[in-house]
Amino acid sequence: MKEWVDGGMATAFIIFGVTGDLTSRKLVPALYQLTLDKRLPEEFHIIGFARRDWDDSVMADSLRSGVEEHTRTQPVDMDVLASMSSKMHFIRSDFDDLGGYERLNTLLETLQINNRLLYLAAPPEEYPVIIQQIGKSGLASTARGWTRISTNTTSITSPASILACRRMNGPTPTGSRGSGIILTSTARK
């Protein structure tokens, strides 16, 4: 838990493609279980990013339903789920719209979130544009805390995706503690 908490700083799990099946069936039930087991910091926010016409409330309702239906621990602890839901936020944007990433940056600043896990739950063909926009918007660097990008596939093999990652993974800003990009995959071979 210490590496998540990182000195008590708020952490965000940002899901690009939050409206997809992977999020409601796998990601959020797993985050619920980690919350239930007290393995995540108290200031842990789930931020969804997608083009669907949702808002914070619609996203929270959808993800709550996913937990109720797919979590392995039943019955669901409604207090834990309500606490999680109160820290869910939604950014409506196309993946190629820089404005959406700028709104995301503003939200992170408003919530004073320094630790960022950016999860690509979108189709793999969207990865290059998402990664490029993350770099252009400044989401890849933070003066404090850390930033990570993770995917659910091993499909970051296209030259465009690899080049976008290399461009973002430049020098770590002065005073930063781990703000470069570490690209990981949760796929099993």
N, C-alpha and C. Protein backbone atom coordinates (compact mmCIF):
# COMPACT_ATOMS: atom_id res chain seq x y z
N MET A 1 0.82 -1.19 0.00
CA MET A 1 0.00 0.00 0.00
C MET A 1 0.86 1.25 0.00
N LYS A 2 2.03 1.20 0.57
CA LYS A 2 2.87 2.37 0.67
C LYS A 2 3.17 3.00 -0.68
N GLU A 3 3.41 2.18 -1.73
CA GLU A 3 3.72 2.77 -3.02
C GLU A 3 2.51 3.45 -3.63
N TRP A 4 1.29 3.03 -3.31
CA TRP A 4 0.09 3.74 -3.77
C TRP A 4 -0.07 5.04 -2.99
N VAL A 5 0.11 4.95 -1.68
CA VAL A 5 -0.13 6.12 -0.84
C VAL A 5 0.90 7.20 -1.11
N ASP A 6 2.16 6.82 -1.23
CA ASP A 6 3.23 7.74 -1.58
C ASP A 6 3.17 9.03 -0.78
N GLY A 7 3.32 8.92 0.53
CA GLY A 7 3.38 10.11 1.36
C GLY A 7 2.02 10.75 1.59
N GLY A 8 0.94 10.04 1.40
CA GLY A 8 -0.38 10.59 1.66
C GLY A 8 -0.96 11.40 0.53
N MET A 9 -0.29 11.46 -0.62
CA MET A 9 -0.83 12.24 -1.73
C MET A 9 -2.01 11.52 -2.38
N ALA A 10 -2.95 12.32 -2.85
CA ALA A 10 -4.12 11.77 -3.54
C ALA A 10 -3.68 11.07 -4.83
N THR A 11 -4.40 10.01 -5.15
CA THR A 11 -4.11 9.20 -6.33
C THR A 11 -5.35 9.10 -7.20
N ALA A 12 -5.16 9.15 -8.51
CA ALA A 12 -6.26 8.97 -9.46
C ALA A 12 -5.98 7.80 -10.37
N PHE A 13 -7.00 6.98 -10.58
CA PHE A 13 -6.99 5.91 -11.56
C PHE A 13 -7.85 6.44 -12.71
N ILE A 14 -7.21 6.81 -13.80
CA ILE A 14 -7.88 7.46 -14.92
C ILE A 14 -8.07 6.43 -16.02
N ILE A 15 -9.33 6.20 -16.39
CA ILE A 15 -9.65 5.15 -17.34
C ILE A 15 -10.07 5.76 -18.67
N PHE A 16 -9.21 5.63 -19.68
CA PHE A 16 -9.55 6.07 -21.03
C PHE A 16 -10.35 4.96 -21.69
N GLY A 17 -11.62 5.24 -21.99
CA GLY A 17 -12.51 4.22 -22.50
C GLY A 17 -13.35 3.63 -21.37
N VAL A 18 -13.70 4.47 -20.41
CA VAL A 18 -14.40 4.02 -19.21
C VAL A 18 -15.77 3.40 -19.49
N THR A 19 -16.38 3.72 -20.62
CA THR A 19 -17.73 3.23 -20.89
C THR A 19 -17.76 1.80 -21.42
N GLY A 20 -16.61 1.21 -21.62
CA GLY A 20 -16.55 -0.15 -22.17
C GLY A 20 -16.80 -1.24 -21.14
N ASP A 21 -16.98 -2.43 -21.65
CA ASP A 21 -17.29 -3.61 -20.85
C ASP A 21 -16.17 -3.97 -19.88
N LEU A 22 -14.91 -3.79 -20.28
CA LEU A 22 -13.77 -4.12 -19.43
C LEU A 22 -13.86 -3.38 -18.10
N THR A 23 -14.25 -2.13 -18.14
CA THR A 23 -14.30 -1.32 -16.93
C THR A 23 -15.33 -1.85 -15.94
N SER A 24 -16.54 -2.08 -16.41
CA SER A 24 -17.60 -2.50 -15.48
C SER A 24 -17.47 -3.96 -15.04
N ARG A 25 -16.90 -4.80 -15.89
CA ARG A 25 -16.79 -6.22 -15.54
C ARG A 25 -15.52 -6.56 -14.77
N LYS A 26 -14.43 -5.83 -15.02
CA LYS A 26 -13.15 -6.22 -14.43
C LYS A 26 -12.51 -5.13 -13.58
N LEU A 27 -12.31 -3.94 -14.16
CA LEU A 27 -11.53 -2.91 -13.48
C LEU A 27 -12.16 -2.43 -12.18
N VAL A 28 -13.40 -1.96 -12.27
CA VAL A 28 -14.02 -1.36 -11.08
C VAL A 28 -14.34 -2.42 -10.01
N PRO A 29 -14.79 -3.63 -10.37
CA PRO A 29 -14.92 -4.64 -9.31
C PRO A 29 -13.57 -4.92 -8.61
N ALA A 30 -12.48 -4.91 -9.36
CA ALA A 30 -11.16 -5.12 -8.74
C ALA A 30 -10.81 -3.94 -7.82
N LEU A 31 -11.11 -2.72 -8.26
CA LEU A 31 -10.84 -1.55 -7.41
C LEU A 31 -11.73 -1.57 -6.16
N TYR A 32 -12.96 -2.02 -6.31
CA TYR A 32 -13.84 -2.17 -5.15
C TYR A 32 -13.21 -3.15 -4.15
N GLN A 33 -12.74 -4.28 -4.64
CA GLN A 33 -12.14 -5.29 -3.75
C GLN A 33 -10.92 -4.72 -3.03
N LEU A 34 -10.09 -3.99 -3.76
CA LEU A 34 -8.91 -3.37 -3.13
C LEU A 34 -9.32 -2.34 -2.08
N THR A 35 -10.40 -1.59 -2.36
CA THR A 35 -10.90 -0.62 -1.39
C THR A 35 -11.45 -1.35 -0.16
N LEU A 36 -12.23 -2.39 -0.39
CA LEU A 36 -12.79 -3.19 0.69
C LEU A 36 -11.69 -3.76 1.58
N ASP A 37 -10.60 -4.19 0.97
CA ASP A 37 -9.47 -4.77 1.69
C ASP A 37 -8.52 -3.71 2.26
N LYS A 38 -8.90 -2.43 2.11
CA LYS A 38 -8.10 -1.30 2.61
C LYS A 38 -6.68 -1.30 2.02
N ARG A 39 -6.61 -1.57 0.71
CA ARG A 39 -5.32 -1.62 0.03
C ARG A 39 -5.10 -0.40 -0.85
N LEU A 40 -6.04 0.55 -0.82
CA LEU A 40 -5.91 1.79 -1.58
C LEU A 40 -5.96 2.97 -0.62
N PRO A 41 -5.34 4.08 -0.99
CA PRO A 41 -5.38 5.25 -0.10
C PRO A 41 -6.81 5.80 0.01
N GLU A 42 -7.04 6.53 1.10
CA GLU A 42 -8.37 7.14 1.28
C GLU A 42 -8.70 8.12 0.16
N GLU A 43 -7.73 8.87 -0.27
CA GLU A 43 -7.94 9.84 -1.35
C GLU A 43 -7.63 9.19 -2.70
N PHE A 44 -8.46 8.24 -3.07
CA PHE A 44 -8.31 7.51 -4.32
C PHE A 44 -9.51 7.83 -5.20
N HIS A 45 -9.27 8.46 -6.33
CA HIS A 45 -10.32 8.88 -7.25
C HIS A 45 -10.30 8.04 -8.52
N ILE A 46 -11.48 7.75 -9.04
CA ILE A 46 -11.61 7.08 -10.33
C ILE A 46 -12.15 8.12 -11.30
N ILE A 47 -11.38 8.36 -12.35
CA ILE A 47 -11.78 9.36 -13.35
C ILE A 47 -11.95 8.66 -14.69
N GLY A 48 -13.14 8.80 -15.24
CA GLY A 48 -13.44 8.20 -16.54
C GLY A 48 -13.29 9.22 -17.65
N PHE A 49 -12.84 8.76 -18.81
CA PHE A 49 -12.62 9.61 -19.98
C PHE A 49 -13.18 8.86 -21.18
N ALA A 50 -14.19 9.42 -21.81
CA ALA A 50 -14.80 8.78 -22.98
C ALA A 50 -15.70 9.79 -23.68
N ARG A 51 -16.17 9.44 -24.87
CA ARG A 51 -16.98 10.37 -25.66
C ARG A 51 -18.48 10.24 -25.40
N ARG A 52 -18.89 9.21 -24.69
CA ARG A 52 -20.32 9.01 -24.42
C ARG A 52 -20.89 10.19 -23.63
N ASP A 53 -22.16 10.44 -23.80
CA ASP A 53 -22.84 11.57 -23.17
C ASP A 53 -23.19 11.22 -21.71
N TRP A 54 -22.17 11.10 -20.88
CA TRP A 54 -22.30 10.81 -19.47
C TRP A 54 -21.88 12.02 -18.66
N ASP A 55 -22.16 11.98 -17.36
CA ASP A 55 -21.60 12.92 -16.40
C ASP A 55 -21.14 12.10 -15.20
N ASP A 56 -20.69 12.77 -14.14
CA ASP A 56 -20.18 12.05 -12.97
C ASP A 56 -21.21 11.06 -12.42
N SER A 57 -22.46 11.50 -12.34
CA SER A 57 -23.52 10.70 -11.75
C SER A 57 -23.84 9.45 -12.59
N VAL A 58 -23.93 9.63 -13.90
CA VAL A 58 -24.23 8.49 -14.78
C VAL A 58 -23.09 7.48 -14.74
N MET A 59 -21.85 7.97 -14.74
CA MET A 59 -20.71 7.07 -14.66
C MET A 59 -20.74 6.30 -13.34
N ALA A 60 -20.97 7.01 -12.24
CA ALA A 60 -20.99 6.35 -10.93
C ALA A 60 -22.09 5.29 -10.88
N ASP A 61 -23.27 5.58 -11.42
CA ASP A 61 -24.36 4.60 -11.44
C ASP A 61 -23.97 3.36 -12.25
N SER A 62 -23.36 3.58 -13.40
CA SER A 62 -22.96 2.47 -14.25
C SER A 62 -21.90 1.60 -13.57
N LEU A 63 -20.91 2.25 -12.95
CA LEU A 63 -19.83 1.50 -12.32
C LEU A 63 -20.31 0.80 -11.05
N ARG A 64 -21.24 1.43 -10.32
CA ARG A 64 -21.84 0.76 -9.15
C ARG A 64 -22.53 -0.53 -9.57
N SER A 65 -23.27 -0.46 -10.67
CA SER A 65 -23.95 -1.66 -11.19
C SER A 65 -22.94 -2.75 -11.54
N GLY A 66 -21.80 -2.34 -12.13
CA GLY A 66 -20.75 -3.30 -12.45
C GLY A 66 -20.21 -3.99 -11.22
N VAL A 67 -20.01 -3.23 -10.15
CA VAL A 67 -19.53 -3.82 -8.90
C VAL A 67 -20.57 -4.79 -8.34
N GLU A 68 -21.83 -4.34 -8.29
CA GLU A 68 -22.89 -5.19 -7.72
C GLU A 68 -23.02 -6.51 -8.48
N GLU A 69 -22.83 -6.46 -9.79
CA GLU A 69 -23.01 -7.66 -10.61
C GLU A 69 -21.77 -8.55 -10.67
N HIS A 70 -20.57 -7.95 -10.65
CA HIS A 70 -19.37 -8.73 -10.96
C HIS A 70 -18.35 -8.89 -9.84
N THR A 71 -18.56 -8.25 -8.69
CA THR A 71 -17.56 -8.40 -7.63
C THR A 71 -17.61 -9.81 -7.05
N ARG A 72 -16.47 -10.28 -6.60
CA ARG A 72 -16.41 -11.64 -6.06
C ARG A 72 -16.89 -11.70 -4.61
N THR A 73 -16.90 -10.56 -3.93
CA THR A 73 -17.33 -10.52 -2.53
C THR A 73 -18.77 -10.06 -2.45
N GLN A 74 -19.64 -10.95 -2.03
CA GLN A 74 -21.06 -10.64 -1.88
C GLN A 74 -21.47 -10.90 -0.44
N PRO A 75 -22.36 -10.16 0.15
CA PRO A 75 -23.03 -9.01 -0.45
C PRO A 75 -22.09 -7.81 -0.52
N VAL A 76 -22.41 -6.88 -1.40
CA VAL A 76 -21.61 -5.68 -1.56
C VAL A 76 -21.79 -4.79 -0.34
N ASP A 77 -20.69 -4.25 0.15
CA ASP A 77 -20.72 -3.29 1.25
C ASP A 77 -21.12 -1.94 0.67
N MET A 78 -22.36 -1.53 0.89
CA MET A 78 -22.90 -0.32 0.26
C MET A 78 -22.20 0.94 0.76
N ASP A 79 -21.68 0.94 1.99
CA ASP A 79 -20.94 2.12 2.48
C ASP A 79 -19.63 2.29 1.72
N VAL A 80 -18.93 1.19 1.48
CA VAL A 80 -17.68 1.25 0.71
C VAL A 80 -17.98 1.69 -0.71
N LEU A 81 -19.03 1.15 -1.30
CA LEU A 81 -19.39 1.51 -2.67
C LEU A 81 -19.81 2.98 -2.76
N ALA A 82 -20.53 3.47 -1.76
CA ALA A 82 -20.94 4.89 -1.75
C ALA A 82 -19.72 5.79 -1.62
N SER A 83 -18.76 5.39 -0.79
CA SER A 83 -17.53 6.17 -0.64
C SER A 83 -16.76 6.23 -1.96
N MET A 84 -16.65 5.08 -2.63
CA MET A 84 -15.99 5.05 -3.95
C MET A 84 -16.72 5.96 -4.94
N SER A 85 -18.04 5.84 -4.97
CA SER A 85 -18.85 6.61 -5.94
C SER A 85 -18.69 8.10 -5.74
N SER A 86 -18.49 8.53 -4.51
CA SER A 86 -18.34 9.97 -4.24
C SER A 86 -17.04 10.53 -4.81
N LYS A 87 -16.13 9.65 -5.19
CA LYS A 87 -14.84 10.08 -5.74
C LYS A 87 -14.68 9.66 -7.20
N MET A 88 -15.83 9.54 -7.89
CA MET A 88 -15.82 9.21 -9.32
C MET A 88 -16.13 10.47 -10.12
N HIS A 89 -15.37 10.68 -11.18
CA HIS A 89 -15.51 11.87 -12.01
C HIS A 89 -15.46 11.44 -13.47
N PHE A 90 -16.10 12.23 -14.32
CA PHE A 90 -16.16 11.88 -15.74
C PHE A 90 -15.79 13.07 -16.60
N ILE A 91 -14.93 12.84 -17.58
CA ILE A 91 -14.56 13.83 -18.60
C ILE A 91 -15.10 13.33 -19.92
N ARG A 92 -15.99 14.10 -20.52
CA ARG A 92 -16.53 13.74 -21.83
C ARG A 92 -15.65 14.37 -22.91
N SER A 93 -15.09 13.50 -23.76
CA SER A 93 -14.20 13.99 -24.81
C SER A 93 -13.90 12.87 -25.79
N ASP A 94 -13.64 13.26 -27.02
CA ASP A 94 -13.06 12.33 -27.98
C ASP A 94 -11.59 12.17 -27.64
N PHE A 95 -11.02 11.05 -28.00
CA PHE A 95 -9.61 10.80 -27.67
C PHE A 95 -8.66 11.77 -28.38
N ASP A 96 -9.07 12.30 -29.53
CA ASP A 96 -8.18 13.21 -30.26
C ASP A 96 -8.39 14.68 -29.91
N ASP A 97 -9.27 15.00 -28.97
CA ASP A 97 -9.58 16.37 -28.59
C ASP A 97 -8.69 16.81 -27.42
N LEU A 98 -7.72 17.65 -27.70
CA LEU A 98 -6.78 18.12 -26.68
C LEU A 98 -7.52 18.82 -25.54
N GLY A 99 -8.64 19.45 -25.83
CA GLY A 99 -9.41 20.13 -24.79
C GLY A 99 -9.85 19.20 -23.67
N GLY A 100 -10.19 17.97 -24.00
CA GLY A 100 -10.57 17.00 -22.98
C GLY A 100 -9.44 16.71 -22.01
N TYR A 101 -8.24 16.60 -22.53
CA TYR A 101 -7.07 16.33 -21.70
C TYR A 101 -6.75 17.55 -20.84
N GLU A 102 -6.98 18.74 -21.39
CA GLU A 102 -6.78 19.95 -20.60
C GLU A 102 -7.81 20.04 -19.47
N ARG A 103 -9.07 19.64 -19.73
CA ARG A 103 -10.07 19.59 -18.66
C ARG A 103 -9.69 18.56 -17.60
N LEU A 104 -9.12 17.45 -18.04
CA LEU A 104 -8.64 16.43 -17.11
C LEU A 104 -7.54 17.01 -16.23
N ASN A 105 -6.59 17.72 -16.83
CA ASN A 105 -5.52 18.35 -16.06
C ASN A 105 -6.08 19.32 -15.03
N THR A 106 -7.09 20.11 -15.44
CA THR A 106 -7.71 21.07 -14.52
C THR A 106 -8.37 20.34 -13.35
N LEU A 107 -9.07 19.24 -13.64
CA LEU A 107 -9.69 18.45 -12.58
C LEU A 107 -8.64 17.92 -11.60
N LEU A 108 -7.55 17.39 -12.13
CA LEU A 108 -6.48 16.86 -11.28
C LEU A 108 -5.90 17.96 -10.38
N GLU A 109 -5.73 19.15 -10.94
CA GLU A 109 -5.23 20.28 -10.14
C GLU A 109 -6.24 20.69 -9.08
N THR A 110 -7.52 20.75 -9.44
CA THR A 110 -8.57 21.12 -8.50
C THR A 110 -8.64 20.14 -7.34
N LEU A 111 -8.54 18.86 -7.64
CA LEU A 111 -8.59 17.81 -6.61
C LEU A 111 -7.24 17.61 -5.91
N GLN A 112 -6.22 18.33 -6.35
CA GLN A 112 -4.86 18.24 -5.81
C GLN A 112 -4.33 16.80 -5.87
N ILE A 113 -4.49 16.21 -7.06
CA ILE A 113 -4.02 14.85 -7.28
C ILE A 113 -2.66 14.88 -7.98
N ASN A 114 -1.69 14.23 -7.37
CA ASN A 114 -0.35 14.18 -7.94
C ASN A 114 0.01 12.82 -8.49
N ASN A 115 -0.51 11.76 -7.91
CA ASN A 115 -0.23 10.41 -8.38
C ASN A 115 -1.29 10.01 -9.40
N ARG A 116 -0.85 9.57 -10.58
CA ARG A 116 -1.77 9.30 -11.68
C ARG A 116 -1.46 7.97 -12.35
N LEU A 117 -2.45 7.10 -12.37
CA LEU A 117 -2.35 5.87 -13.14
C LEU A 117 -3.32 6.01 -14.30
N LEU A 118 -2.79 6.11 -15.50
CA LEU A 118 -3.59 6.29 -16.72
C LEU A 118 -3.77 4.92 -17.36
N TYR A 119 -5.00 4.44 -17.37
CA TYR A 119 -5.29 3.09 -17.86
C TYR A 119 -5.98 3.17 -19.22
N LEU A 120 -5.39 2.55 -20.21
CA LEU A 120 -5.94 2.57 -21.56
C LEU A 120 -6.86 1.36 -21.74
N ALA A 121 -8.17 1.59 -21.54
CA ALA A 121 -9.17 0.54 -21.73
C ALA A 121 -9.87 0.71 -23.07
N ALA A 122 -9.33 1.58 -23.89
CA ALA A 122 -9.86 1.84 -25.24
C ALA A 122 -9.33 0.80 -26.21
N PRO A 123 -9.90 0.75 -27.42
CA PRO A 123 -9.36 -0.16 -28.44
C PRO A 123 -7.88 0.17 -28.73
N PRO A 124 -7.05 -0.84 -28.97
CA PRO A 124 -5.62 -0.62 -29.20
C PRO A 124 -5.30 0.38 -30.32
N GLU A 125 -6.16 0.46 -31.34
CA GLU A 125 -5.88 1.41 -32.42
C GLU A 125 -5.99 2.86 -31.95
N GLU A 126 -6.58 3.09 -30.79
CA GLU A 126 -6.69 4.44 -30.22
C GLU A 126 -5.46 4.82 -29.39
N TYR A 127 -4.63 3.86 -29.03
CA TYR A 127 -3.50 4.13 -28.15
C TYR A 127 -2.57 5.23 -28.64
N PRO A 128 -2.16 5.23 -29.92
CA PRO A 128 -1.23 6.28 -30.34
C PRO A 128 -1.77 7.69 -30.11
N VAL A 129 -3.04 7.94 -30.47
CA VAL A 129 -3.57 9.28 -30.30
C VAL A 129 -3.73 9.62 -28.82
N ILE A 130 -4.16 8.67 -27.99
CA ILE A 130 -4.29 8.93 -26.55
C ILE A 130 -2.92 9.26 -25.96
N ILE A 131 -1.92 8.46 -26.29
CA ILE A 131 -0.58 8.69 -25.74
C ILE A 131 -0.02 10.03 -26.21
N GLN A 132 -0.23 10.37 -27.47
CA GLN A 132 0.24 11.67 -27.97
C GLN A 132 -0.45 12.82 -27.25
N GLN A 133 -1.75 12.72 -27.03
CA GLN A 133 -2.49 13.79 -26.36
C GLN A 133 -2.10 13.89 -24.88
N ILE A 134 -1.81 12.77 -24.26
CA ILE A 134 -1.31 12.79 -22.87
C ILE A 134 -0.01 13.60 -22.82
N GLY A 135 0.87 13.34 -23.78
CA GLY A 135 2.13 14.08 -23.83
C GLY A 135 1.94 15.55 -24.11
N LYS A 136 1.12 15.89 -25.12
CA LYS A 136 0.88 17.30 -25.47
C LYS A 136 0.24 18.10 -24.34
N SER A 137 -0.64 17.46 -23.59
CA SER A 137 -1.39 18.16 -22.55
C SER A 137 -0.61 18.34 -21.25
N GLY A 138 0.50 17.66 -21.11
CA GLY A 138 1.29 17.75 -19.88
C GLY A 138 0.87 16.76 -18.81
N LEU A 139 -0.08 15.87 -19.13
CA LEU A 139 -0.50 14.87 -18.13
C LEU A 139 0.63 13.91 -17.76
N ALA A 140 1.62 13.81 -18.61
CA ALA A 140 2.70 12.85 -18.38
C ALA A 140 3.69 13.32 -17.32
N SER A 141 3.59 14.57 -16.92
CA SER A 141 4.54 15.04 -15.92
C SER A 141 3.81 15.74 -14.79
N THR A 142 4.36 15.61 -13.62
CA THR A 142 3.83 16.26 -12.43
C THR A 142 5.01 16.67 -11.57
N ALA A 143 4.90 17.82 -10.92
CA ALA A 143 5.99 18.31 -10.09
C ALA A 143 6.20 17.43 -8.86
N ARG A 144 5.12 16.81 -8.40
CA ARG A 144 5.18 15.91 -7.25
C ARG A 144 4.46 14.63 -7.64
N GLY A 145 4.77 13.55 -6.97
CA GLY A 145 4.07 12.31 -7.24
C GLY A 145 4.63 11.56 -8.44
N TRP A 146 3.78 10.73 -9.05
CA TRP A 146 4.21 9.89 -10.17
C TRP A 146 3.09 9.76 -11.18
N THR A 147 3.49 9.33 -12.39
CA THR A 147 2.56 9.08 -13.48
C THR A 147 2.92 7.73 -14.10
N ARG A 148 1.91 6.91 -14.35
CA ARG A 148 2.11 5.62 -15.01
C ARG A 148 1.03 5.44 -16.06
N ILE A 149 1.35 4.74 -17.13
CA ILE A 149 0.36 4.35 -18.13
C ILE A 149 0.34 2.83 -18.16
N SER A 150 -0.87 2.27 -18.17
CA SER A 150 -1.02 0.83 -18.24
C SER A 150 -2.10 0.50 -19.26
N THR A 151 -2.02 -0.70 -19.83
CA THR A 151 -3.01 -1.16 -20.80
C THR A 151 -3.46 -2.57 -20.40
N ASN A 152 -4.49 -3.04 -21.07
CA ASN A 152 -4.93 -4.39 -20.82
C ASN A 152 -4.48 -5.34 -21.92
N THR A 153 -3.64 -4.87 -22.81
CA THR A 153 -3.15 -5.71 -23.90
C THR A 153 -1.65 -5.52 -24.06
N THR A 154 -1.09 -6.38 -24.87
CA THR A 154 0.33 -6.24 -25.21
C THR A 154 0.48 -5.62 -26.59
N SER A 155 -0.52 -4.84 -27.00
CA SER A 155 -0.56 -4.38 -28.39
C SER A 155 0.13 -3.04 -28.63
N ILE A 156 0.97 -2.58 -27.73
CA ILE A 156 1.72 -1.37 -28.02
C ILE A 156 2.98 -1.80 -28.77
N THR A 157 2.74 -2.20 -29.99
CA THR A 157 3.84 -2.66 -30.83
C THR A 157 3.92 -1.88 -32.13
N SER A 158 2.92 -1.06 -32.41
CA SER A 158 2.96 -0.30 -33.66
C SER A 158 4.03 0.78 -33.55
N PRO A 159 4.68 1.11 -34.64
CA PRO A 159 5.70 2.16 -34.61
C PRO A 159 5.16 3.48 -34.06
N ALA A 160 3.92 3.83 -34.39
CA ALA A 160 3.34 5.09 -33.91
C ALA A 160 3.21 5.08 -32.39
N SER A 161 2.75 3.97 -31.80
CA SER A 161 2.60 3.88 -30.35
C SER A 161 3.95 3.95 -29.65
N ILE A 162 4.91 3.20 -30.17
CA ILE A 162 6.24 3.18 -29.57
C ILE A 162 6.88 4.56 -29.64
N LEU A 163 6.78 5.23 -30.78
CA LEU A 163 7.34 6.57 -30.93
C LEU A 163 6.65 7.56 -30.00
N ALA A 164 5.34 7.47 -29.87
CA ALA A 164 4.61 8.38 -28.97
C ALA A 164 5.08 8.19 -27.53
N CYS A 165 5.28 6.94 -27.11
CA CYS A 165 5.77 6.68 -25.76
C CYS A 165 7.17 7.23 -25.56
N ARG A 166 8.03 7.04 -26.53
CA ARG A 166 9.41 7.55 -26.41
C ARG A 166 9.43 9.06 -26.33
N ARG A 167 8.59 9.73 -27.11
CA ARG A 167 8.54 11.21 -27.07
C ARG A 167 8.09 11.70 -25.71
N MET A 168 7.15 11.01 -25.09
CA MET A 168 6.65 11.43 -23.78
C MET A 168 7.63 11.12 -22.68
N ASN A 169 8.43 10.12 -22.84
CA ASN A 169 9.30 9.65 -21.77
C ASN A 169 10.64 10.37 -21.79
N GLY A 170 10.57 11.68 -21.92
CA GLY A 170 11.77 12.50 -21.93
C GLY A 170 12.36 12.63 -20.54
N PRO A 171 13.20 13.65 -20.35
CA PRO A 171 13.83 13.83 -19.04
C PRO A 171 12.78 14.07 -17.95
N THR A 172 13.06 13.56 -16.77
CA THR A 172 12.17 13.78 -15.64
C THR A 172 12.33 15.23 -15.18
N PRO A 173 11.21 15.96 -14.97
CA PRO A 173 11.30 17.35 -14.54
C PRO A 173 12.04 17.50 -13.23
N THR A 174 12.72 18.65 -13.06
CA THR A 174 13.46 18.92 -11.84
C THR A 174 12.51 18.87 -10.65
N GLY A 175 12.92 18.23 -9.59
CA GLY A 175 12.12 18.14 -8.38
C GLY A 175 11.07 17.04 -8.43
N SER A 176 10.98 16.34 -9.52
CA SER A 176 9.97 15.29 -9.67
C SER A 176 10.46 14.01 -9.04
N ARG A 177 9.52 13.22 -8.57
CA ARG A 177 9.84 11.91 -8.01
C ARG A 177 9.19 10.85 -8.86
N GLY A 178 9.71 10.58 -10.02
CA GLY A 178 9.20 9.48 -10.81
C GLY A 178 8.15 9.87 -11.82
N SER A 179 8.26 11.06 -12.38
CA SER A 179 7.23 11.52 -13.30
C SER A 179 7.38 11.04 -14.72
N GLY A 180 8.42 10.32 -15.05
CA GLY A 180 8.50 9.77 -16.39
C GLY A 180 7.41 8.74 -16.59
N ILE A 181 7.23 8.30 -17.81
CA ILE A 181 6.19 7.31 -18.09
C ILE A 181 6.79 5.92 -17.99
N ILE A 182 6.14 5.07 -17.25
CA ILE A 182 6.48 3.66 -17.22
C ILE A 182 5.29 2.95 -17.83
N LEU A 183 5.49 2.33 -18.95
CA LEU A 183 4.42 1.68 -19.66
C LEU A 183 4.34 0.23 -19.23
N THR A 184 3.18 -0.20 -18.77
CA THR A 184 3.00 -1.57 -18.32
C THR A 184 1.80 -2.17 -19.02
N SER A 185 1.70 -3.47 -18.95
CA SER A 185 0.56 -4.16 -19.52
C SER A 185 0.03 -5.15 -18.49
N THR A 186 -1.30 -5.27 -18.43
CA THR A 186 -1.90 -6.23 -17.51
C THR A 186 -2.33 -7.49 -18.23
N ALA A 187 -2.01 -7.62 -19.50
CA ALA A 187 -2.41 -8.79 -20.28
C ALA A 187 -1.60 -10.00 -19.84
N ARG A 188 -2.24 -11.13 -19.92
CA ARG A 188 -1.54 -12.38 -19.61
C ARG A 188 -1.26 -13.10 -20.90
N LYS A 189 -0.08 -13.67 -21.00
CA LYS A 189 0.29 -14.40 -22.22
C LYS A 189 -0.07 -15.84 -22.09
